[in-house]
PDB file of N, CA and C in Angstrom:
ATOM      1  N   MET A   1     127.946 119.325  84.078  1.00  0.00           N
ATOM      2  CA  MET A   1     126.756 120.130  83.897  1.00  0.00           C
ATOM      3  C   MET A   1     125.553 119.207  83.734  1.00  0.00           C
ATOM      4  N   THR A   2     124.440 119.556  84.383  1.00  0.00           N
ATOM      5  CA  THR A   2     123.225 118.764  84.236  1.00  0.00           C
ATOM      6  C   THR A   2     122.213 119.542  83.431  1.00  0.00           C
ATOM      7  N   THR A   3     121.358 118.807  82.784  1.00  0.00           N
ATOM      8  CA  THR A   3     120.311 119.416  81.980  1.00  0.00           C
ATOM      9  C   THR A   3     118.968 119.066  82.585  1.00  0.00           C
ATOM     10  N   ASP A   4     118.142 120.068  82.804  1.00  0.00           N
ATOM     11  CA  ASP A   4     116.801 119.831  83.329  1.00  0.00           C
ATOM     12  C   ASP A   4     115.893 119.440  82.175  1.00  0.00           C
ATOM     13  N   THR A   5     115.422 118.188  82.216  1.00  0.00           N
ATOM     14  CA  THR A   5     114.558 117.703  81.141  1.00  0.00           C
ATOM     15  C   THR A   5     113.088 117.955  81.440  1.00  0.00           C
ATOM     16  N   GLY A   6     112.811 118.506  82.641  1.00  0.00           N
ATOM     17  CA  GLY A   6     111.426 118.772  82.994  1.00  0.00           C
ATOM     18  C   GLY A   6     110.711 117.555  83.569  1.00  0.00           C
ATOM     19  N   THR A   7     111.417 116.449  83.721  1.00  0.00           N
ATOM     20  CA  THR A   7     110.796 115.258  84.292  1.00  0.00           C
ATOM     21  C   THR A   7     111.351 115.023  85.690  1.00  0.00           C
ATOM     22  N   THR A   8     110.521 114.456  86.522  1.00  0.00           N
ATOM     23  CA  THR A   8     110.909 114.145  87.888  1.00  0.00           C
ATOM     24  C   THR A   8     110.839 112.641  88.066  1.00  0.00           C
ATOM     25  N   ALA A   9     111.829 112.099  88.733  1.00  0.00           N
ATOM     26  CA  ALA A   9     111.870 110.652  88.962  1.00  0.00           C
ATOM     27  C   ALA A   9     110.748 110.243  89.918  1.00  0.00           C
ATOM     28  N   PRO A  10     110.169 109.066  89.715  1.00  0.00           N
ATOM     29  CA  PRO A  10     109.159 108.562  90.637  1.00  0.00           C
ATOM     30  C   PRO A  10     109.734 108.398  92.043  1.00  0.00           C
ATOM     31  N   VAL A  11     108.899 108.637  93.030  1.00  0.00           N
ATOM     32  CA  VAL A  11     109.289 108.523  94.429  1.00  0.00           C
ATOM     33  C   VAL A  11     108.510 107.367  95.053  1.00  0.00           C
ATOM     34  N   PRO A  12     109.194 106.397  95.671  1.00  0.00           N
ATOM     35  CA  PRO A  12     108.474 105.291  96.302  1.00  0.00           C
ATOM     36  C   PRO A  12     107.714 105.770  97.542  1.00  0.00           C
ATOM     37  N   HIS A  13     106.460 105.357  97.632  1.00  0.00           N
ATOM     38  CA  HIS A  13     105.605 105.660  98.782  1.00  0.00           C
ATOM     39  C   HIS A  13     105.088 104.347  99.367  1.00  0.00           C
ATOM     40  N   HIS A  14     104.963 104.310 100.681  1.00  0.00           N
ATOM     41  CA  HIS A  14     104.366 103.160 101.357  1.00  0.00           C
ATOM     42  C   HIS A  14     102.892 103.489 101.600  1.00  0.00           C
ATOM     43  N   PHE A  15     102.020 102.511 101.322  1.00  0.00           N
ATOM     44  CA  PHE A  15     100.593 102.721 101.573  1.00  0.00           C
ATOM     45  C   PHE A  15     100.046 101.610 102.450  1.00  0.00           C
ATOM     46  N   VAL A  16      98.993 101.949 103.192  1.00  0.00           N
ATOM     47  CA  VAL A  16      98.216 100.991 103.966  1.00  0.00           C
ATOM     48  C   VAL A  16      96.749 101.310 103.700  1.00  0.00           C
ATOM     49  N   LEU A  17      95.984 100.291 103.304  1.00  0.00           N
ATOM     50  CA  LEU A  17      94.563 100.455 103.012  1.00  0.00           C
ATOM     51  C   LEU A  17      93.802  99.347 103.729  1.00  0.00           C
ATOM     52  N   THR A  18      92.888  99.730 104.610  1.00  0.00           N
ATOM     53  CA  THR A  18      92.035  98.761 105.310  1.00  0.00           C
ATOM     54  C   THR A  18      90.602  99.008 104.882  1.00  0.00           C
ATOM     55  N   ILE A  19      89.929  97.928 104.466  1.00  0.00           N
ATOM     56  CA  ILE A  19      88.542  98.020 104.025  1.00  0.00           C
ATOM     57  C   ILE A  19      87.674  97.089 104.863  1.00  0.00           C
ATOM     58  N   GLN A  20      86.364  97.394 104.876  1.00  0.00           N
ATOM     59  CA  GLN A  20      85.408  96.536 105.572  1.00  0.00           C
ATOM     60  C   GLN A  20      84.098  96.536 104.806  1.00  0.00           C
ATOM     61  N   THR A  21      83.477  95.338 104.718  1.00  0.00           N
ATOM     62  CA  THR A  21      82.191  95.196 104.039  1.00  0.00           C
ATOM     63  C   THR A  21      81.053  95.185 105.058  1.00  0.00           C
ATOM     64  N   ASP A  22      79.833  95.273 104.556  1.00  0.00           N
ATOM     65  CA  ASP A  22      78.647  95.265 105.414  1.00  0.00           C
ATOM     66  C   ASP A  22      78.551  94.002 106.263  1.00  0.00           C
ATOM     67  N   ASP A  23      79.044  92.881 105.736  1.00  0.00           N
ATOM     68  CA  ASP A  23      78.942  91.617 106.474  1.00  0.00           C
ATOM     69  C   ASP A  23      80.113  91.389 107.435  1.00  0.00           C
ATOM     70  N   GLY A  24      80.977  92.384 107.594  1.00  0.00           N
ATOM     71  CA  GLY A  24      82.053  92.295 108.573  1.00  0.00           C
ATOM     72  C   GLY A  24      83.404  91.858 108.049  1.00  0.00           C
ATOM     73  N   PHE A  25      83.490  91.500 106.768  1.00  0.00           N
ATOM     74  CA  PHE A  25      84.783  91.132 106.183  1.00  0.00           C
ATOM     75  C   PHE A  25      85.703  92.349 106.236  1.00  0.00           C
ATOM     76  N   THR A  26      86.910  92.140 106.754  1.00  0.00           N
ATOM     77  CA  THR A  26      87.895  93.210 106.850  1.00  0.00           C
ATOM     78  C   THR A  26      89.206  92.728 106.237  1.00  0.00           C
ATOM     79  N   ALA A  27      89.864  93.599 105.502  1.00  0.00           N
ATOM     80  CA  ALA A  27      91.146  93.258 104.888  1.00  0.00           C
ATOM     81  C   ALA A  27      92.044  94.489 104.893  1.00  0.00           C
ATOM     82  N   THR A  28      93.323  94.242 105.149  1.00  0.00           N
ATOM     83  CA  THR A  28      94.324  95.307 105.089  1.00  0.00           C
ATOM     84  C   THR A  28      95.349  94.939 104.030  1.00  0.00           C
ATOM     85  N   THR A  29      95.637  95.895 103.177  1.00  0.00           N
ATOM     86  CA  THR A  29      96.641  95.740 102.132  1.00  0.00           C
ATOM     87  C   THR A  29      97.700  96.811 102.354  1.00  0.00           C
ATOM     88  N   GLU A  30      98.960  96.438 102.149  1.00  0.00           N
ATOM     89  CA  GLU A  30     100.031  97.427 102.248  1.00  0.00           C
ATOM     90  C   GLU A  30     101.056  97.130 101.184  1.00  0.00           C
ATOM     91  N   GLY A  31     101.822  98.148 100.833  1.00  0.00           N
ATOM     92  CA  GLY A  31     102.840  97.940  99.824  1.00  0.00           C
ATOM     93  C   GLY A  31     103.545  99.232  99.458  1.00  0.00           C
ATOM     94  N   ILE A  32     104.327  99.147  98.413  1.00  0.00           N
ATOM     95  CA  ILE A  32     105.077 100.288  97.899  1.00  0.00           C
ATOM     96  C   ILE A  32     104.535 100.623  96.517  1.00  0.00           C
ATOM     97  N   ILE A  33     104.309 101.903  96.283  1.00  0.00           N
ATOM     98  CA  ILE A  33     103.858 102.371  94.981  1.00  0.00           C
ATOM     99  C   ILE A  33     104.743 103.557  94.589  1.00  0.00           C
ATOM    100  N   SER A  34     105.175 103.585  93.342  1.00  0.00           N
ATOM    101  CA  SER A  34     106.002 104.693  92.865  1.00  0.00           C
ATOM    102  C   SER A  34     105.102 105.783  92.306  1.00  0.00           C
ATOM    103  N   ILE A  35     105.295 106.991  92.807  1.00  0.00           N
ATOM    104  CA  ILE A  35     104.471 108.130  92.411  1.00  0.00           C
ATOM    105  C   ILE A  35     105.378 109.204  91.827  1.00  0.00           C
ATOM    106  N   THR A  36     105.025 109.702  90.667  1.00  0.00           N
ATOM    107  CA  THR A  36     105.778 110.782  90.041  1.00  0.00           C
ATOM    108  C   THR A  36     105.221 112.113  90.528  1.00  0.00           C
ATOM    109  N   PRO A  37     106.017 112.891  91.247  1.00  0.00           N
ATOM    110  CA  PRO A  37     105.542 114.186  91.739  1.00  0.00           C
ATOM    111  C   PRO A  37     105.030 115.064  90.594  1.00  0.00           C
ATOM    112  N   GLY A  38     103.888 115.655  90.804  1.00  0.00           N
ATOM    113  CA  GLY A  38     103.297 116.526  89.793  1.00  0.00           C
ATOM    114  C   GLY A  38     102.482 115.796  88.747  1.00  0.00           C
ATOM    115  N   ALA A  39     102.629 114.484  88.658  1.00  0.00           N
ATOM    116  CA  ALA A  39     101.882 113.707  87.666  1.00  0.00           C
ATOM    117  C   ALA A  39     100.710 112.971  88.291  1.00  0.00           C
ATOM    118  N   HIS A  40     100.743 112.766  89.607  1.00  0.00           N
ATOM    119  CA  HIS A  40      99.682 112.057  90.306  1.00  0.00           C
ATOM    120  C   HIS A  40      99.242 112.860  91.517  1.00  0.00           C
ATOM    121  N   THR A  41      97.959 112.766  91.841  1.00  0.00           N
ATOM    122  CA  THR A  41      97.459 113.383  93.060  1.00  0.00           C
ATOM    123  C   THR A  41      97.205 112.293  94.093  1.00  0.00           C
ATOM    124  N   ARG A  42      97.101 112.698  95.338  1.00  0.00           N
ATOM    125  CA  ARG A  42      96.783 111.756  96.413  1.00  0.00           C
ATOM    126  C   ARG A  42      95.442 111.071  96.122  1.00  0.00           C
ATOM    127  N   GLN A  43      94.483 111.827  95.631  1.00  0.00           N
ATOM    128  CA  GLN A  43      93.162 111.278  95.331  1.00  0.00           C
ATOM    129  C   GLN A  43      93.232 110.247  94.208  1.00  0.00           C
ATOM    130  N   GLN A  44      94.049 110.456  93.209  1.00  0.00           N
ATOM    131  CA  GLN A  44      94.212 109.491  92.124  1.00  0.00           C
ATOM    132  C   GLN A  44      94.811 108.182  92.645  1.00  0.00           C
ATOM    133  N   VAL A  45      95.786 108.291  93.537  1.00  0.00           N
ATOM    134  CA  VAL A  45      96.399 107.094  94.115  1.00  0.00           C
ATOM    135  C   VAL A  45      95.376 106.351  94.978  1.00  0.00           C
ATOM    136  N   TYR A  46      94.623 107.084  95.798  1.00  0.00           N
ATOM    137  CA  TYR A  46      93.581 106.488  96.637  1.00  0.00           C
ATOM    138  C   TYR A  46      92.565 105.726  95.782  1.00  0.00           C
ATOM    139  N   THR A  47      92.084 106.364  94.732  1.00  0.00           N
ATOM    140  CA  THR A  47      91.099 105.736  93.845  1.00  0.00           C
ATOM    141  C   THR A  47      91.673 104.486  93.182  1.00  0.00           C
ATOM    142  N   ALA A  48      92.910 104.551  92.721  1.00  0.00           N
ATOM    143  CA  ALA A  48      93.543 103.392  92.076  1.00  0.00           C
ATOM    144  C   ALA A  48      93.695 102.232  93.053  1.00  0.00           C
ATOM    145  N   LEU A  49      94.073 102.526  94.301  1.00  0.00           N
ATOM    146  CA  LEU A  49      94.222 101.468  95.296  1.00  0.00           C
ATOM    147  C   LEU A  49      92.873 100.867  95.682  1.00  0.00           C
ATOM    148  N   CYS A  50      91.839 101.700  95.773  1.00  0.00           N
ATOM    149  CA  CYS A  50      90.487 101.181  96.048  1.00  0.00           C
ATOM    150  C   CYS A  50      90.006 100.308  94.892  1.00  0.00           C
ATOM    151  N   ASP A  51      90.246 100.733  93.669  1.00  0.00           N
ATOM    152  CA  ASP A  51      89.867  99.931  92.502  1.00  0.00           C
ATOM    153  C   ASP A  51      90.592  98.591  92.511  1.00  0.00           C
ATOM    154  N   GLN A  52      91.863  98.616  92.871  1.00  0.00           N
ATOM    155  CA  GLN A  52      92.655  97.390  92.938  1.00  0.00           C
ATOM    156  C   GLN A  52      92.090  96.454  94.009  1.00  0.00           C
ATOM    157  N   ALA A  53      91.732  96.977  95.176  1.00  0.00           N
ATOM    158  CA  ALA A  53      91.146  96.166  96.249  1.00  0.00           C
ATOM    159  C   ALA A  53      89.785  95.612  95.825  1.00  0.00           C
ATOM    160  N   ARG A  54      88.981  96.446  95.171  1.00  0.00           N
ATOM    161  CA  ARG A  54      87.659  96.019  94.694  1.00  0.00           C
ATOM    162  C   ARG A  54      87.789  94.821  93.749  1.00  0.00           C
ATOM    163  N   GLU A  55      88.759  94.890  92.849  1.00  0.00           N
ATOM    164  CA  GLU A  55      88.970  93.807  91.885  1.00  0.00           C
ATOM    165  C   GLU A  55      89.561  92.564  92.564  1.00  0.00           C
ATOM    166  N   TYR A  56      90.563  92.768  93.414  1.00  0.00           N
ATOM    167  CA  TYR A  56      91.245  91.643  94.067  1.00  0.00           C
ATOM    168  C   TYR A  56      90.287  90.833  94.943  1.00  0.00           C
ATOM    169  N   TYR A  57      89.460  91.533  95.727  1.00  0.00           N
ATOM    170  CA  TYR A  57      88.541  90.851  96.635  1.00  0.00           C
ATOM    171  C   TYR A  57      87.169  90.599  96.010  1.00  0.00           C
ATOM    172  N   ASP A  58      86.992  90.998  94.752  1.00  0.00           N
ATOM    173  CA  ASP A  58      85.733  90.803  94.021  1.00  0.00           C
ATOM    174  C   ASP A  58      84.554  91.404  94.791  1.00  0.00           C
ATOM    175  N   LEU A  59      84.680  92.679  95.117  1.00  0.00           N
ATOM    176  CA  LEU A  59      83.654  93.374  95.892  1.00  0.00           C
ATOM    177  C   LEU A  59      83.014  94.472  95.058  1.00  0.00           C
ATOM    178  N   THR A  60      81.770  94.757  95.362  1.00  0.00           N
ATOM    179  CA  THR A  60      81.109  95.894  94.722  1.00  0.00           C
ATOM    180  C   THR A  60      80.998  97.072  95.685  1.00  0.00           C
ATOM    181  N   ARG A  61      80.922  96.754  96.990  1.00  0.00           N
ATOM    182  CA  ARG A  61      80.799  97.810  98.007  1.00  0.00           C
ATOM    183  C   ARG A  61      81.701  97.505  99.189  1.00  0.00           C
ATOM    184  N   PHE A  62      82.327  98.544  99.704  1.00  0.00           N
ATOM    185  CA  PHE A  62      83.072  98.443 100.957  1.00  0.00           C
ATOM    186  C   PHE A  62      83.333  99.848 101.469  1.00  0.00           C
ATOM    187  N   ALA A  63      83.660  99.918 102.745  1.00  0.00           N
ATOM    188  CA  ALA A  63      84.041 101.184 103.361  1.00  0.00           C
ATOM    189  C   ALA A  63      85.542 101.149 103.634  1.00  0.00           C
ATOM    190  N   VAL A  64      86.166 102.271 103.433  1.00  0.00           N
ATOM    191  CA  VAL A  64      87.584 102.387 103.771  1.00  0.00           C
ATOM    192  C   VAL A  64      87.667 102.784 105.238  1.00  0.00           C
ATOM    193  N   VAL A  65      88.291 101.922 106.025  1.00  0.00           N
ATOM    194  CA  VAL A  65      88.441 102.153 107.459  1.00  0.00           C
ATOM    195  C   VAL A  65      89.718 102.944 107.739  1.00  0.00           C
ATOM    196  N   HIS A  66      90.753 102.693 106.926  1.00  0.00           N
ATOM    197  CA  HIS A  66      92.029 103.375 107.120  1.00  0.00           C
ATOM    198  C   HIS A  66      92.750 103.501 105.778  1.00  0.00           C
ATOM    199  N   PHE A  67      93.346 104.675 105.556  1.00  0.00           N
ATOM    200  CA  PHE A  67      94.186 104.890 104.378  1.00  0.00           C
ATOM    201  C   PHE A  67      95.369 105.747 104.794  1.00  0.00           C
ATOM    202  N   ALA A  68      96.564 105.276 104.488  1.00  0.00           N
ATOM    203  CA  ALA A  68      97.780 106.044 104.756  1.00  0.00           C
ATOM    204  C   ALA A  68      98.672 105.973 103.521  1.00  0.00           C
ATOM    205  N   LEU A  69      99.303 107.094 103.190  1.00  0.00           N
ATOM    206  CA  LEU A  69     100.212 107.175 102.047  1.00  0.00           C
ATOM    207  C   LEU A  69     101.319 108.142 102.428  1.00  0.00           C
ATOM    208  N   GLU A  70     102.535 107.611 102.547  1.00  0.00           N
ATOM    209  CA  GLU A  70     103.682 108.412 102.973  1.00  0.00           C
ATOM    210  C   GLU A  70     104.901 108.067 102.133  1.00  0.00           C
ATOM    211  N   PRO A  71     105.793 109.045 101.911  1.00  0.00           N
ATOM    212  CA  PRO A  71     107.047 108.711 101.236  1.00  0.00           C
ATOM    213  C   PRO A  71     107.763 107.606 101.996  1.00  0.00           C
ATOM    214  N   ASN A  72     108.361 106.684 101.284  1.00  0.00           N
ATOM    215  CA  ASN A  72     108.981 105.509 101.904  1.00  0.00           C
ATOM    216  C   ASN A  72     110.467 105.750 102.198  1.00  0.00           C
ATOM    217  N   HIS A  73     110.735 106.797 102.909  1.00  0.00           N
ATOM    218  CA  HIS A  73     112.109 107.056 103.329  1.00  0.00           C
ATOM    219  C   HIS A  73     112.109 107.415 104.812  1.00  0.00           C
ATOM    220  N   LEU A  74     113.205 107.161 105.455  1.00  0.00           N
ATOM    221  CA  LEU A  74     113.328 107.489 106.882  1.00  0.00           C
ATOM    222  C   LEU A  74     114.263 108.664 107.066  1.00  0.00           C
TER     223      LEU A  74
END
């Protein structure tokens, strides 16, 4: 017998984020992020990944050229 604890296990998702600055600098980041269904929205993940890119590349402004977020299963 199983007991429903009301929690859902995180699901691994693959993401791709490409950014570009006004001066032409372009960077693509990809990876796996675990998302708990019902606890995170697509917009929250997008914002977190943009914040991470902003900090990593030490940027104040950039445009997102491409964003993809899909469950990492075939």
